[in-house]
């Protein structure tokens, strides 16, 4: 039970990092579009 919960949390953490990375890249591209 606890092990599976930890595994799910770990996966969510990884997805969160990937999501934040994509969001940062997207926001930087948006800023470049706004500048030009």
Protein backbone atom coordinates (compact mmCIF):
# COMPACT_ATOMS: atom_id res chain seq x y z
CA UNK A 1 0.00 0.00 0.00
CA UNK A 2 2.57 2.58 1.13
CA UNK A 3 5.07 1.41 -1.48
CA UNK A 4 2.58 1.88 -4.33
CA UNK A 5 1.59 5.29 -2.94
CA UNK A 6 5.25 6.33 -2.85
CA UNK A 7 5.68 5.07 -6.42
CA UNK A 8 2.69 7.13 -7.59
CA UNK A 9 4.00 10.23 -5.79
CA UNK A 10 7.43 9.68 -7.38
CA UNK A 11 5.87 9.46 -10.85
CA UNK A 12 3.76 12.56 -10.22
CA UNK A 13 6.92 14.38 -9.12
CA UNK A 14 8.66 13.38 -12.35
CA UNK A 15 5.67 14.46 -14.44
CA UNK A 16 5.56 17.74 -12.49
CA UNK A 17 9.22 18.43 -13.32
CA UNK A 18 8.62 17.68 -17.00
CA UNK A 19 5.49 19.86 -17.01
CA UNK A 20 7.37 22.77 -15.39
CA UNK A 21 10.19 22.36 -17.93
CA UNK A 22 7.74 22.44 -20.86
CA UNK A 23 5.91 25.40 -19.29
CA UNK A 24 9.20 27.32 -18.93
CA UNK A 25 10.15 26.65 -22.57
CA UNK A 26 6.66 27.65 -23.72
CA UNK A 27 6.70 30.87 -21.66
CA UNK A 28 10.12 31.84 -23.06
CA UNK A 29 8.90 31.30 -26.64
CA UNK A 30 5.78 33.35 -25.86
CA UNK A 31 7.96 36.20 -24.55
CA UNK A 32 10.07 36.10 -27.72
CA UNK A 33 6.87 36.27 -29.81
CA UNK A 34 5.65 39.27 -27.80
CA UNK A 35 8.97 41.10 -28.20
CA UNK A 36 8.98 40.77 -32.01
